[in-house]
């Protein structure tokens, strides 16, 4: 009996690990690549300069989330860096709210394997957007809080810009309230 249980555990553990999936989709793979390059100030994934003003330089990101409207890197004059992906845009609040929940579910519990460090898990608590709020921001905790995770913030935002609702994924090195979610 003991041998039978041992044999079953060898069979079930790989199946359970496969079912959980470190990366269940290409979105999670892109997030992993972005987070791995954070320590390099996104230098490895920084593409062509899109525009520049006194405070900001905006570059195309070479890492793209499938289906995203845009993916870019924003370099601030104070040396702060931000990777941003506009994942969805719609005039419909209800459609945007539904997509926001779907995207949150895809990102939550993503396991990120970091070079020379332990894996981290993106964990957050869903907050339902309300039509009376112009924005909803969900910060993800990076667990366990290692040296890497303490310097970084990942957040998912749904915000109204003009007549549209946009869903934006941000990776940056400052508290979420420090960064204005850009309209670029």
Protein backbone atom coordinates (compact mmCIF):
# COMPACT_ATOMS: atom_id res chain seq x y z
CA UNK A 1 0.00 0.00 0.00
CA UNK A 2 2.80 2.35 0.91
CA UNK A 3 4.51 1.68 -2.42
CA UNK A 4 1.25 2.28 -4.24
CA UNK A 5 0.81 5.70 -2.58
CA UNK A 6 4.41 6.60 -3.34
CA UNK A 7 3.92 5.60 -6.98
CA UNK A 8 0.71 7.63 -7.25
CA UNK A 9 2.38 10.69 -5.75
CA UNK A 10 5.10 10.52 -8.42
CA UNK A 11 2.38 10.45 -11.05
CA UNK A 12 0.15 13.14 -9.56
CA UNK A 13 2.74 15.76 -8.64
CA UNK A 14 3.82 16.40 -12.26
CA UNK A 15 0.18 16.46 -13.36
CA UNK A 16 -0.70 18.99 -10.64
CA UNK A 17 2.27 21.14 -11.57
CA UNK A 18 1.33 21.00 -15.23
CA UNK A 19 -2.29 21.88 -14.46
CA UNK A 20 -1.27 24.92 -12.43
CA UNK A 21 1.08 26.02 -15.18
CA UNK A 22 3.83 28.48 -14.51
CA UNK A 23 2.68 30.40 -17.58
CA UNK A 24 -0.76 29.65 -18.79
CA UNK A 25 -0.55 32.11 -21.66
CA UNK A 26 1.71 34.41 -23.69
CA UNK A 27 0.68 37.39 -21.56
CA UNK A 28 2.40 35.83 -18.57
CA UNK A 29 5.51 35.06 -20.63
CA UNK A 30 5.72 38.71 -21.70
CA UNK A 31 5.31 39.89 -18.09
CA UNK A 32 8.13 37.56 -17.03
CA UNK A 33 10.44 39.00 -19.71
CA UNK A 34 9.61 42.57 -18.66
CA UNK A 35 10.18 41.87 -14.96
CA UNK A 36 13.45 40.09 -15.68
CA UNK A 37 14.70 43.19 -17.52
CA UNK A 38 13.59 45.61 -14.80
CA UNK A 39 17.03 45.56 -13.15
CA UNK A 40 18.48 46.72 -16.47
CA UNK A 41 16.01 49.65 -16.52
CA UNK A 42 14.31 47.86 -19.44
CA UNK A 43 17.41 48.52 -21.56
CA UNK A 44 17.33 45.11 -23.21
CA UNK A 45 13.70 45.50 -24.30
CA UNK A 46 13.86 49.21 -25.20
CA UNK A 47 13.10 49.82 -28.88
CA UNK A 48 12.98 53.00 -30.97
CA UNK A 49 12.39 56.43 -29.45
CA UNK A 50 8.74 57.39 -30.01
CA UNK A 51 8.82 60.91 -28.55
CA UNK A 52 10.63 63.03 -26.05
CA UNK A 53 9.93 66.14 -23.99
CA UNK A 54 11.76 67.72 -21.08
CA UNK A 55 10.48 65.27 -18.48
CA UNK A 56 9.85 62.04 -20.39
CA UNK A 57 11.35 59.93 -23.13
CA UNK A 58 9.02 57.28 -24.53
CA UNK A 59 10.32 54.22 -26.37
CA UNK A 60 8.65 51.34 -28.13
CA UNK A 61 8.93 48.11 -26.13
CA UNK A 62 10.31 45.12 -28.00
CA UNK A 63 8.30 42.89 -25.65
CA UNK A 64 4.67 42.93 -26.68
CA UNK A 65 1.68 41.44 -24.98
CA UNK A 66 -0.41 39.64 -27.60
CA UNK A 67 -3.42 41.74 -28.54
CA UNK A 68 -2.19 44.88 -26.72
CA UNK A 69 -2.86 48.25 -28.33
CA UNK A 70 0.59 49.52 -27.36
CA UNK A 71 3.59 48.54 -25.23
CA UNK A 72 6.12 51.21 -24.34
CA UNK A 73 8.86 52.19 -21.95
CA UNK A 74 8.80 55.60 -20.31
CA UNK A 75 12.03 57.04 -18.94
CA UNK A 76 11.47 59.90 -16.50
CA UNK A 77 13.98 62.69 -16.01
CA UNK A 78 14.39 61.63 -12.35
CA UNK A 79 15.74 58.23 -13.58
CA UNK A 80 12.48 56.42 -12.81
CA UNK A 81 11.44 53.86 -15.41
CA UNK A 82 8.06 52.51 -16.38
CA UNK A 83 6.93 49.79 -18.77
CA UNK A 84 3.34 50.25 -19.85
CA UNK A 85 0.95 48.21 -21.97
CA UNK A 86 -2.45 49.47 -23.06
CA UNK A 87 -4.25 46.15 -23.14
CA UNK A 88 -7.76 47.21 -24.09
CA UNK A 89 -9.80 50.26 -25.04
CA UNK A 90 -13.55 50.63 -25.47
CA UNK A 91 -16.34 53.17 -25.23
CA UNK A 92 -18.37 50.62 -23.26
CA UNK A 93 -17.87 50.65 -19.51
CA UNK A 94 -19.49 47.22 -19.09
CA UNK A 95 -17.32 45.57 -21.74
CA UNK A 96 -14.23 47.20 -20.23
CA UNK A 97 -15.15 46.06 -16.73
CA UNK A 98 -15.62 42.49 -17.99
CA UNK A 99 -12.26 42.54 -19.82
CA UNK A 100 -10.57 44.09 -16.75
CA UNK A 101 -11.67 41.12 -14.63
CA UNK A 102 -10.50 38.64 -17.30
CA UNK A 103 -7.08 40.28 -17.55
CA UNK A 104 -6.73 40.42 -13.77
CA UNK A 105 -7.46 36.69 -13.63
CA UNK A 106 -4.80 35.99 -16.26
CA UNK A 107 -2.16 37.99 -14.40
CA UNK A 108 -2.98 37.03 -10.80
CA UNK A 109 -0.82 34.20 -9.46
CA UNK A 110 1.62 34.44 -12.34
CA UNK A 111 4.90 32.85 -11.29
CA UNK A 112 7.95 34.79 -12.44
CA UNK A 113 11.27 32.98 -12.52
CA UNK A 114 14.04 35.47 -11.83
CA UNK A 115 17.65 34.87 -12.74
CA UNK A 116 19.82 34.42 -9.64
CA UNK A 117 16.81 34.76 -7.33
CA UNK A 118 13.81 32.84 -6.10
CA UNK A 119 10.61 32.88 -8.18
CA UNK A 120 8.04 35.49 -7.29
CA UNK A 121 4.27 35.32 -7.55
CA UNK A 122 2.05 38.23 -8.59
CA UNK A 123 -0.79 38.37 -6.11
CA UNK A 124 -3.56 40.93 -5.91
CA UNK A 125 -7.09 41.47 -4.74
CA UNK A 126 -9.66 42.29 -7.38
CA UNK A 127 -11.54 45.55 -7.06
CA UNK A 128 -14.63 45.97 -9.21
CA UNK A 129 -14.58 49.22 -11.21
CA UNK A 130 -17.58 51.50 -10.82
CA UNK A 131 -18.81 53.83 -13.57
CA UNK A 132 -18.68 56.77 -11.16
CA UNK A 133 -14.90 56.37 -10.70
CA UNK A 134 -12.66 57.56 -13.51
CA UNK A 135 -10.01 54.99 -12.57
CA UNK A 136 -9.47 51.78 -10.64
CA UNK A 137 -5.93 50.62 -9.87
CA UNK A 138 -5.07 47.16 -8.59
CA UNK A 139 -1.49 46.85 -7.31
CA UNK A 140 -0.04 43.36 -7.32
CA UNK A 141 2.07 42.16 -4.41
CA UNK A 142 5.24 40.35 -5.44
CA UNK A 143 5.60 37.38 -3.11
CA UNK A 144 7.84 36.56 -1.42
CA UNK A 145 9.06 40.10 -0.90
CA UNK A 146 12.71 39.66 -1.89
CA UNK A 147 15.25 42.37 -2.74
CA UNK A 148 13.91 42.54 -6.28
CA UNK A 149 10.25 42.78 -5.30
CA UNK A 150 10.84 45.64 -2.86
CA UNK A 151 11.98 48.00 -5.65
CA UNK A 152 9.16 47.32 -8.04
CA UNK A 153 5.43 47.77 -8.52
CA UNK A 154 3.14 45.96 -10.95
CA UNK A 155 -0.38 47.27 -11.34
CA UNK A 156 -3.42 46.87 -13.54
CA UNK A 157 -5.57 49.94 -14.09
CA UNK A 158 -8.87 50.70 -15.74
CA UNK A 159 -9.27 54.37 -16.42
CA UNK A 160 -11.39 56.73 -18.41
CA UNK A 161 -9.54 58.84 -20.96
CA UNK A 162 -11.75 61.10 -23.01
CA UNK A 163 -14.76 58.99 -23.94
CA UNK A 164 -12.89 55.70 -23.74
CA UNK A 165 -12.14 53.21 -20.99
CA UNK A 166 -8.60 51.86 -21.14
CA UNK A 167 -7.02 48.94 -19.34
CA UNK A 168 -3.34 49.50 -18.65
CA UNK A 169 -0.68 47.22 -17.19
CA UNK A 170 2.18 49.09 -15.52
CA UNK A 171 5.55 47.88 -14.27
CA UNK A 172 7.56 50.59 -12.55
CA UNK A 173 9.91 51.40 -9.74
CA UNK A 174 7.85 53.77 -7.66
CA UNK A 175 4.57 53.57 -5.75
CA UNK A 176 1.62 53.44 -8.13
CA UNK A 177 0.34 56.86 -7.01
CA UNK A 178 3.59 58.55 -8.08
CA UNK A 179 3.02 57.86 -11.75
CA UNK A 180 0.38 59.49 -13.84
CA UNK A 181 -1.11 56.94 -16.18
CA UNK A 182 -0.12 58.57 -19.44
CA UNK A 183 -2.40 59.26 -22.38
CA UNK A 184 0.31 58.66 -24.99
